[in-house]
Full PDB file with SEQRES, HELIX, SHEET, SSBOND, CRYST1, ORIGX, SCALE, CONECT and MASTER records, all heavy atoms in Angstrom:
SEQRES   1 A   32  GLN GLN LEU GLU LYS LEU PHE THR GLU LEU MET VAL ILE          
SEQRES   2 A   32  ILE ARG SER GLY GLN PRO VAL ASN VAL ASP SER VAL ILE          
SEQRES   3 A   32  ARG SER ILE GLY MET LEU                                      
HELIX    1 AA1 GLN A    2  ARG A   15  1                                  14    
HELIX    2 AA2 VAL A   22  MET A   31  1                                  10    
CRYST1    1.000    1.000    1.000  90.00  90.00  90.00 P 1           1          
ORIGX1      1.000000  0.000000  0.000000        0.00000                         
ORIGX2      0.000000  1.000000  0.000000        0.00000                         
ORIGX3      0.000000  0.000000  1.000000        0.00000                         
SCALE1      1.000000  0.000000  0.000000        0.00000                         
SCALE2      0.000000  1.000000  0.000000        0.00000                         
SCALE3      0.000000  0.000000  1.000000        0.00000                         
ATOM      1  N   GLN A   1     167.687 -22.763 158.442  1.00  0.00           N  
ATOM      2  CA  GLN A   1     167.491 -22.573 159.849  1.00  0.00           C  
ATOM      3  C   GLN A   1     167.361 -21.105 160.227  1.00  0.00           C  
ATOM      4  O   GLN A   1     166.497 -20.724 161.028  1.00  0.00           O  
ATOM      5  CB  GLN A   1     168.758 -23.150 160.594  1.00  0.00           C  
ATOM      6  CG  GLN A   1     168.570 -23.424 162.079  1.00  0.00           C  
ATOM      7  CD  GLN A   1     169.726 -24.121 162.693  1.00  0.00           C  
ATOM      8  OE1 GLN A   1     170.879 -23.783 162.401  1.00  0.00           O  
ATOM      9  NE2 GLN A   1     169.513 -25.158 163.508  1.00  0.00           N  
ATOM     10  N   GLN A   2     168.147 -20.256 159.571  1.00  0.00           N  
ATOM     11  CA  GLN A   2     168.009 -18.789 159.802  1.00  0.00           C  
ATOM     12  C   GLN A   2     166.662 -18.283 159.337  1.00  0.00           C  
ATOM     13  O   GLN A   2     166.057 -17.439 160.049  1.00  0.00           O  
ATOM     14  CB  GLN A   2     169.226 -18.106 159.084  1.00  0.00           C  
ATOM     15  CG  GLN A   2     169.351 -16.604 159.446  1.00  0.00           C  
ATOM     16  CD  GLN A   2     170.218 -16.484 160.720  1.00  0.00           C  
ATOM     17  OE1 GLN A   2     170.210 -17.331 161.557  1.00  0.00           O  
ATOM     18  NE2 GLN A   2     170.924 -15.348 160.772  1.00  0.00           N  
ATOM     19  N   LEU A   3     166.253 -18.752 158.202  1.00  0.00           N  
ATOM     20  CA  LEU A   3     164.971 -18.312 157.640  1.00  0.00           C  
ATOM     21  C   LEU A   3     163.802 -18.788 158.508  1.00  0.00           C  
ATOM     22  O   LEU A   3     162.801 -18.086 158.670  1.00  0.00           O  
ATOM     23  CB  LEU A   3     164.756 -18.819 156.226  1.00  0.00           C  
ATOM     24  CG  LEU A   3     165.425 -17.961 155.117  1.00  0.00           C  
ATOM     25  CD1 LEU A   3     165.356 -18.637 153.778  1.00  0.00           C  
ATOM     26  CD2 LEU A   3     164.676 -16.584 155.019  1.00  0.00           C  
ATOM     27  N   GLU A   4     163.876 -20.023 159.039  1.00  0.00           N  
ATOM     28  CA  GLU A   4     162.845 -20.478 159.884  1.00  0.00           C  
ATOM     29  C   GLU A   4     162.728 -19.565 161.125  1.00  0.00           C  
ATOM     30  O   GLU A   4     161.614 -19.259 161.569  1.00  0.00           O  
ATOM     31  CB  GLU A   4     163.168 -21.922 160.304  1.00  0.00           C  
ATOM     32  CG  GLU A   4     161.964 -22.585 160.999  1.00  0.00           C  
ATOM     33  CD  GLU A   4     162.237 -24.074 161.309  1.00  0.00           C  
ATOM     34  OE1 GLU A   4     163.438 -24.503 161.060  1.00  0.00           O  
ATOM     35  OE2 GLU A   4     161.297 -24.785 161.644  1.00  0.00           O  
ATOM     36  N   LYS A   5     163.846 -19.186 161.684  1.00  0.00           N  
ATOM     37  CA  LYS A   5     163.848 -18.237 162.776  1.00  0.00           C  
ATOM     38  C   LYS A   5     163.308 -16.874 162.423  1.00  0.00           C  
ATOM     39  O   LYS A   5     162.495 -16.268 163.198  1.00  0.00           O  
ATOM     40  CB  LYS A   5     165.279 -18.046 163.289  1.00  0.00           C  
ATOM     41  CG  LYS A   5     165.487 -17.074 164.457  1.00  0.00           C  
ATOM     42  CD  LYS A   5     164.827 -17.464 165.727  1.00  0.00           C  
ATOM     43  CE  LYS A   5     165.206 -16.529 166.868  1.00  0.00           C  
ATOM     44  NZ  LYS A   5     164.495 -16.786 168.110  1.00  0.00           N  
ATOM     45  N   LEU A   6     163.622 -16.412 161.223  1.00  0.00           N  
ATOM     46  CA  LEU A   6     163.101 -15.112 160.736  1.00  0.00           C  
ATOM     47  C   LEU A   6     161.583 -15.157 160.622  1.00  0.00           C  
ATOM     48  O   LEU A   6     160.979 -14.195 161.145  1.00  0.00           O  
ATOM     49  CB  LEU A   6     163.752 -14.845 159.340  1.00  0.00           C  
ATOM     50  CG  LEU A   6     163.119 -13.638 158.600  1.00  0.00           C  
ATOM     51  CD1 LEU A   6     163.428 -12.331 159.355  1.00  0.00           C  
ATOM     52  CD2 LEU A   6     163.668 -13.545 157.183  1.00  0.00           C  
ATOM     53  N   PHE A   7     160.971 -16.163 160.019  1.00  0.00           N  
ATOM     54  CA  PHE A   7     159.537 -16.182 159.882  1.00  0.00           C  
ATOM     55  C   PHE A   7     158.904 -16.348 161.259  1.00  0.00           C  
ATOM     56  O   PHE A   7     157.790 -15.775 161.435  1.00  0.00           O  
ATOM     57  CB  PHE A   7     159.078 -17.354 158.955  1.00  0.00           C  
ATOM     58  CG  PHE A   7     159.379 -16.993 157.529  1.00  0.00           C  
ATOM     59  CD1 PHE A   7     160.369 -17.651 156.757  1.00  0.00           C  
ATOM     60  CD2 PHE A   7     158.644 -16.001 156.860  1.00  0.00           C  
ATOM     61  CE1 PHE A   7     160.589 -17.358 155.433  1.00  0.00           C  
ATOM     62  CE2 PHE A   7     158.867 -15.708 155.558  1.00  0.00           C  
ATOM     63  CZ  PHE A   7     159.850 -16.376 154.803  1.00  0.00           C  
ATOM     64  N   THR A   8     159.509 -17.044 162.134  1.00  0.00           N  
ATOM     65  CA  THR A   8     158.976 -17.140 163.531  1.00  0.00           C  
ATOM     66  C   THR A   8     158.897 -15.762 164.195  1.00  0.00           C  
ATOM     67  O   THR A   8     157.860 -15.425 164.828  1.00  0.00           O  
ATOM     68  CB  THR A   8     159.831 -18.074 164.368  1.00  0.00           C  
ATOM     69  OG1 THR A   8     159.781 -19.411 163.806  1.00  0.00           O  
ATOM     70  CG2 THR A   8     159.268 -18.188 165.770  1.00  0.00           C  
ATOM     71  N   GLU A   9     159.980 -15.046 164.001  1.00  0.00           N  
ATOM     72  CA  GLU A   9     160.025 -13.690 164.571  1.00  0.00           C  
ATOM     73  C   GLU A   9     159.031 -12.684 163.913  1.00  0.00           C  
ATOM     74  O   GLU A   9     158.386 -11.850 164.561  1.00  0.00           O  
ATOM     75  CB  GLU A   9     161.426 -13.098 164.498  1.00  0.00           C  
ATOM     76  CG  GLU A   9     162.451 -13.811 165.329  1.00  0.00           C  
ATOM     77  CD  GLU A   9     162.197 -13.648 166.802  1.00  0.00           C  
ATOM     78  OE1 GLU A   9     161.757 -12.589 167.279  1.00  0.00           O  
ATOM     79  OE2 GLU A   9     162.439 -14.657 167.574  1.00  0.00           O  
ATOM     80  N   LEU A  10     158.886 -12.826 162.571  1.00  0.00           N  
ATOM     81  CA  LEU A  10     157.917 -11.996 161.890  1.00  0.00           C  
ATOM     82  C   LEU A  10     156.480 -12.276 162.383  1.00  0.00           C  
ATOM     83  O   LEU A  10     155.616 -11.366 162.477  1.00  0.00           O  
ATOM     84  CB  LEU A  10     157.996 -12.209 160.379  1.00  0.00           C  
ATOM     85  CG  LEU A  10     159.307 -11.783 159.718  1.00  0.00           C  
ATOM     86  CD1 LEU A  10     159.257 -12.094 158.195  1.00  0.00           C  
ATOM     87  CD2 LEU A  10     159.584 -10.294 159.980  1.00  0.00           C  
ATOM     88  N   MET A  11     156.201 -13.540 162.698  1.00  0.00           N  
ATOM     89  CA  MET A  11     154.895 -13.901 163.214  1.00  0.00           C  
ATOM     90  C   MET A  11     154.619 -13.319 164.610  1.00  0.00           C  
ATOM     91  O   MET A  11     153.553 -12.881 164.978  1.00  0.00           O  
ATOM     92  CB  MET A  11     154.633 -15.369 163.171  1.00  0.00           C  
ATOM     93  CG  MET A  11     154.413 -15.919 161.772  1.00  0.00           C  
ATOM     94  SD  MET A  11     153.979 -17.662 161.828  1.00  0.00           S  
ATOM     95  CE  MET A  11     155.576 -18.496 161.992  1.00  0.00           C  
ATOM     96  N   VAL A  12     155.724 -13.200 165.391  1.00  0.00           N  
ATOM     97  CA  VAL A  12     155.573 -12.590 166.709  1.00  0.00           C  
ATOM     98  C   VAL A  12     155.232 -11.114 166.539  1.00  0.00           C  
ATOM     99  O   VAL A  12     154.353 -10.556 167.277  1.00  0.00           O  
ATOM    100  CB  VAL A  12     156.951 -12.707 167.488  1.00  0.00           C  
ATOM    101  CG1 VAL A  12     156.890 -11.821 168.777  1.00  0.00           C  
ATOM    102  CG2 VAL A  12     157.202 -14.142 167.852  1.00  0.00           C  
ATOM    103  N   ILE A  13     155.862 -10.389 165.584  1.00  0.00           N  
ATOM    104  CA  ILE A  13     155.573  -9.011 165.324  1.00  0.00           C  
ATOM    105  C   ILE A  13     154.115  -8.855 164.885  1.00  0.00           C  
ATOM    106  O   ILE A  13     153.431  -7.955 165.359  1.00  0.00           O  
ATOM    107  CB  ILE A  13     156.542  -8.477 164.236  1.00  0.00           C  
ATOM    108  CG1 ILE A  13     157.977  -8.523 164.752  1.00  0.00           C  
ATOM    109  CG2 ILE A  13     156.151  -7.010 163.891  1.00  0.00           C  
ATOM    110  CD1 ILE A  13     159.021  -8.110 163.703  1.00  0.00           C  
ATOM    111  N   ILE A  14     153.672  -9.710 164.001  1.00  0.00           N  
ATOM    112  CA  ILE A  14     152.276  -9.623 163.468  1.00  0.00           C  
ATOM    113  C   ILE A  14     151.312  -9.834 164.625  1.00  0.00           C  
ATOM    114  O   ILE A  14     150.315  -9.135 164.762  1.00  0.00           O  
ATOM    115  CB  ILE A  14     152.057 -10.607 162.321  1.00  0.00           C  
ATOM    116  CG1 ILE A  14     152.932 -10.195 161.142  1.00  0.00           C  
ATOM    117  CG2 ILE A  14     150.585 -10.694 161.964  1.00  0.00           C  
ATOM    118  CD1 ILE A  14     153.004 -11.266 160.094  1.00  0.00           C  
ATOM    119  N   ARG A  15     151.551 -10.823 165.471  1.00  0.00           N  
ATOM    120  CA  ARG A  15     150.647 -11.103 166.605  1.00  0.00           C  
ATOM    121  C   ARG A  15     150.523  -9.945 167.582  1.00  0.00           C  
ATOM    122  O   ARG A  15     149.519  -9.766 168.238  1.00  0.00           O  
ATOM    123  CB  ARG A  15     151.091 -12.367 167.329  1.00  0.00           C  
ATOM    124  CG  ARG A  15     150.802 -13.676 166.629  1.00  0.00           C  
ATOM    125  CD  ARG A  15     151.037 -14.856 167.511  1.00  0.00           C  
ATOM    126  NE  ARG A  15     150.909 -16.161 166.776  1.00  0.00           N  
ATOM    127  CZ  ARG A  15     151.928 -16.854 166.364  1.00  0.00           C  
ATOM    128  NH1 ARG A  15     153.167 -16.483 166.629  1.00  0.00           N  
ATOM    129  NH2 ARG A  15     151.686 -18.027 165.748  1.00  0.00           N  
ATOM    130  N   SER A  16     151.615  -9.118 167.640  1.00  0.00           N  
ATOM    131  CA  SER A  16     151.566  -8.000 168.492  1.00  0.00           C  
ATOM    132  C   SER A  16     150.757  -6.823 167.985  1.00  0.00           C  
ATOM    133  O   SER A  16     150.514  -5.832 168.671  1.00  0.00           O  
ATOM    134  CB  SER A  16     153.030  -7.507 168.800  1.00  0.00           C  
ATOM    135  OG  SER A  16     153.504  -6.808 167.623  1.00  0.00           O  
ATOM    136  N   GLY A  17     150.271  -6.980 166.779  1.00  0.00           N  
ATOM    137  CA  GLY A  17     149.474  -5.981 166.135  1.00  0.00           C  
ATOM    138  C   GLY A  17     150.217  -5.027 165.261  1.00  0.00           C  
ATOM    139  O   GLY A  17     149.647  -4.051 164.683  1.00  0.00           O  
ATOM    140  N   GLN A  18     151.549  -5.233 165.065  1.00  0.00           N  
ATOM    141  CA  GLN A  18     152.365  -4.354 164.264  1.00  0.00           C  
ATOM    142  C   GLN A  18     152.425  -4.945 162.842  1.00  0.00           C  
ATOM    143  O   GLN A  18     152.575  -6.138 162.640  1.00  0.00           O  
ATOM    144  CB  GLN A  18     153.762  -4.277 164.797  1.00  0.00           C  
ATOM    145  CG  GLN A  18     153.833  -3.829 166.308  1.00  0.00           C  
ATOM    146  CD  GLN A  18     153.142  -2.522 166.569  1.00  0.00           C  
ATOM    147  OE1 GLN A  18     153.195  -1.630 165.641  1.00  0.00           O  
ATOM    148  NE2 GLN A  18     152.555  -2.359 167.714  1.00  0.00           N  
ATOM    149  N   PRO A  19     152.352  -4.019 161.836  1.00  0.00           N  
ATOM    150  CA  PRO A  19     152.493  -4.566 160.444  1.00  0.00           C  
ATOM    151  C   PRO A  19     153.927  -4.920 160.141  1.00  0.00           C  
ATOM    152  O   PRO A  19     154.874  -4.309 160.722  1.00  0.00           O  
ATOM    153  CB  PRO A  19     152.054  -3.263 159.647  1.00  0.00           C  
ATOM    154  CG  PRO A  19     152.380  -2.124 160.515  1.00  0.00           C  
ATOM    155  CD  PRO A  19     152.156  -2.548 161.903  1.00  0.00           C  
ATOM    156  N   VAL A  20     154.124  -5.893 159.269  1.00  0.00           N  
ATOM    157  CA  VAL A  20     155.444  -6.261 158.810  1.00  0.00           C  
ATOM    158  C   VAL A  20     155.627  -5.660 157.429  1.00  0.00           C  
ATOM    159  O   VAL A  20     154.826  -6.011 156.482  1.00  0.00           O  
ATOM    160  CB  VAL A  20     155.605  -7.777 158.825  1.00  0.00           C  
ATOM    161  CG1 VAL A  20     156.886  -8.209 158.083  1.00  0.00           C  
ATOM    162  CG2 VAL A  20     155.656  -8.314 160.221  1.00  0.00           C  
ATOM    163  N   ASN A  21     156.609  -4.892 157.208  1.00  0.00           N  
ATOM    164  CA  ASN A  21     156.910  -4.347 155.876  1.00  0.00           C  
ATOM    165  C   ASN A  21     158.361  -4.651 155.546  1.00  0.00           C  
ATOM    166  O   ASN A  21     159.088  -5.352 156.264  1.00  0.00           O  
ATOM    167  CB  ASN A  21     156.657  -2.828 155.813  1.00  0.00           C  
ATOM    168  CG  ASN A  21     157.375  -2.071 156.954  1.00  0.00           C  
ATOM    169  OD1 ASN A  21     158.402  -2.486 157.385  1.00  0.00           O  
ATOM    170  ND2 ASN A  21     156.819  -0.968 157.379  1.00  0.00           N  
ATOM    171  N   VAL A  22     158.814  -4.175 154.393  1.00  0.00           N  
ATOM    172  CA  VAL A  22     160.190  -4.438 153.957  1.00  0.00           C  
ATOM    173  C   VAL A  22     161.222  -3.952 154.978  1.00  0.00           C  
ATOM    174  O   VAL A  22     162.186  -4.650 155.219  1.00  0.00           O  
ATOM    175  CB  VAL A  22     160.431  -3.818 152.507  1.00  0.00           C  
ATOM    176  CG1 VAL A  22     161.879  -3.925 152.160  1.00  0.00           C  
ATOM    177  CG2 VAL A  22     159.540  -4.471 151.529  1.00  0.00           C  
ATOM    178  N   ASP A  23     161.026  -2.800 155.476  1.00  0.00           N  
ATOM    179  CA  ASP A  23     161.988  -2.256 156.472  1.00  0.00           C  
ATOM    180  C   ASP A  23     162.092  -3.161 157.713  1.00  0.00           C  
ATOM    181  O   ASP A  23     163.181  -3.451 158.173  1.00  0.00           O  
ATOM    182  CB  ASP A  23     161.530  -0.858 156.912  1.00  0.00           C  
ATOM    183  CG  ASP A  23     161.877   0.183 155.867  1.00  0.00           C  
ATOM    184  OD1 ASP A  23     162.721  -0.059 154.995  1.00  0.00           O  
ATOM    185  OD2 ASP A  23     161.272   1.308 155.958  1.00  0.00           O  
ATOM    186  N   SER A  24     160.970  -3.620 158.186  1.00  0.00           N  
ATOM    187  CA  SER A  24     160.996  -4.520 159.408  1.00  0.00           C  
ATOM    188  C   SER A  24     161.625  -5.866 159.052  1.00  0.00           C  
ATOM    189  O   SER A  24     162.302  -6.469 159.859  1.00  0.00           O  
ATOM    190  CB  SER A  24     159.672  -4.684 160.050  1.00  0.00           C  
ATOM    191  OG  SER A  24     158.699  -5.091 159.062  1.00  0.00           O  
ATOM    192  N   VAL A  25     161.427  -6.344 157.825  1.00  0.00           N  
ATOM    193  CA  VAL A  25     162.070  -7.556 157.329  1.00  0.00           C  
ATOM    194  C   VAL A  25     163.572  -7.410 157.343  1.00  0.00           C  
ATOM    195  O   VAL A  25     164.370  -8.255 157.868  1.00  0.00           O  
ATOM    196  CB  VAL A  25     161.572  -8.012 155.954  1.00  0.00           C  
ATOM    197  CG1 VAL A  25     162.404  -9.134 155.408  1.00  0.00           C  
ATOM    198  CG2 VAL A  25     160.068  -8.423 156.054  1.00  0.00           C  
ATOM    199  N   ILE A  26     164.042  -6.293 156.733  1.00  0.00           N  
ATOM    200  CA  ILE A  26     165.479  -6.028 156.659  1.00  0.00           C  
ATOM    201  C   ILE A  26     166.059  -5.870 158.049  1.00  0.00           C  
ATOM    202  O   ILE A  26     167.178  -6.383 158.369  1.00  0.00           O  
ATOM    203  CB  ILE A  26     165.757  -4.802 155.782  1.00  0.00           C  
ATOM    204  CG1 ILE A  26     165.350  -5.107 154.371  1.00  0.00           C  
ATOM    205  CG2 ILE A  26     167.207  -4.402 155.841  1.00  0.00           C  
ATOM    206  CD1 ILE A  26     165.415  -3.895 153.453  1.00  0.00           C  
ATOM    207  N   ARG A  27     165.368  -5.159 158.912  1.00  0.00           N  
ATOM    208  CA  ARG A  27     165.873  -4.976 160.287  1.00  0.00           C  
ATOM    209  C   ARG A  27     165.984  -6.346 160.980  1.00  0.00           C  
ATOM    210  O   ARG A  27     166.958  -6.631 161.704  1.00  0.00           O  
ATOM    211  CB  ARG A  27     164.916  -4.101 161.118  1.00  0.00           C  
ATOM    212  CG  ARG A  27     165.029  -2.632 160.736  1.00  0.00           C  
ATOM    213  CD  ARG A  27     164.446  -1.767 161.867  1.00  0.00           C  
ATOM    214  NE  ARG A  27     163.026  -1.960 162.040  1.00  0.00           N  
ATOM    215  CZ  ARG A  27     162.102  -1.289 161.528  1.00  0.00           C  
ATOM    216  NH1 ARG A  27     162.407  -0.313 160.621  1.00  0.00           N  
ATOM    217  NH2 ARG A  27     160.787  -1.524 161.716  1.00  0.00           N  
ATOM    218  N   SER A  28     164.977  -7.196 160.838  1.00  0.00           N  
ATOM    219  CA  SER A  28     164.949  -8.499 161.462  1.00  0.00           C  
ATOM    220  C   SER A  28     166.116  -9.357 160.955  1.00  0.00           C  
ATOM    221  O   SER A  28     166.798 -10.058 161.779  1.00  0.00           O  
ATOM    222  CB  SER A  28     163.620  -9.207 161.193  1.00  0.00           C  
ATOM    223  OG  SER A  28     162.536  -8.493 161.737  1.00  0.00           O  
ATOM    224  N   ILE A  29     166.350  -9.322 159.654  1.00  0.00           N  
ATOM    225  CA  ILE A  29     167.472 -10.078 159.125  1.00  0.00           C  
ATOM    226  C   ILE A  29     168.791  -9.620 159.713  1.00  0.00           C  
ATOM    227  O   ILE A  29     169.649 -10.457 160.060  1.00  0.00           O  
ATOM    228  CB  ILE A  29     167.462  -9.987 157.571  1.00  0.00           C  
ATOM    229  CG1 ILE A  29     166.224 -10.695 156.969  1.00  0.00           C  
ATOM    230  CG2 ILE A  29     168.772 -10.596 156.995  1.00  0.00           C  
ATOM    231  CD1 ILE A  29     166.090 -10.458 155.520  1.00  0.00           C  
ATOM    232  N   GLY A  30     168.976  -8.301 159.825  1.00  0.00           N  
ATOM    233  CA  GLY A  30     170.158  -7.781 160.424  1.00  0.00           C  
ATOM    234  C   GLY A  30     170.397  -8.195 161.850  1.00  0.00           C  
ATOM    235  O   GLY A  30     171.460  -8.559 162.271  1.00  0.00           O  
ATOM    236  N   MET A  31     169.299  -8.209 162.643  1.00  0.00           N  
ATOM    237  CA  MET A  31     169.402  -8.589 164.040  1.00  0.00           C  
ATOM    238  C   MET A  31     169.792 -10.055 164.194  1.00  0.00           C  
ATOM    239  O   MET A  31     170.596 -10.482 165.047  1.00  0.00           O  
ATOM    240  CB  MET A  31     168.116  -8.337 164.780  1.00  0.00           C  
ATOM    241  CG  MET A  31     167.791  -6.872 164.931  1.00  0.00           C  
ATOM    242  SD  MET A  31     166.249  -6.612 165.791  1.00  0.00           S  
ATOM    243  CE  MET A  31     165.747  -4.977 165.190  1.00  0.00           C  
ATOM    244  N   LEU A  32     169.152 -10.865 163.329  1.00  0.00           N  
ATOM    245  CA  LEU A  32     169.457 -12.338 163.435  1.00  0.00           C  
ATOM    246  C   LEU A  32     170.856 -12.680 162.989  1.00  0.00           C  
ATOM    247  O   LEU A  32     171.412 -13.742 163.267  1.00  0.00           O  
ATOM    248  CB  LEU A  32     168.428 -13.118 162.612  1.00  0.00           C  
ATOM    249  CG  LEU A  32     166.948 -13.072 163.149  1.00  0.00           C  
ATOM    250  CD1 LEU A  32     166.031 -13.771 162.176  1.00  0.00           C  
ATOM    251  CD2 LEU A  32     166.961 -13.765 164.554  1.00  0.00           C  
TER     252      LEU A  32                                                      
MASTER        0    0    0    2    0    0    0    6  251    1    0    3          
END                                                                             
């Protein structure tokens, strides 16, 4: 469930035109 939310949020970032890298993945995991 947590991972499904994570990938949903990563897609929001990508749609905004921002690249997703390891740092943004780790940040996203921490926020969730």
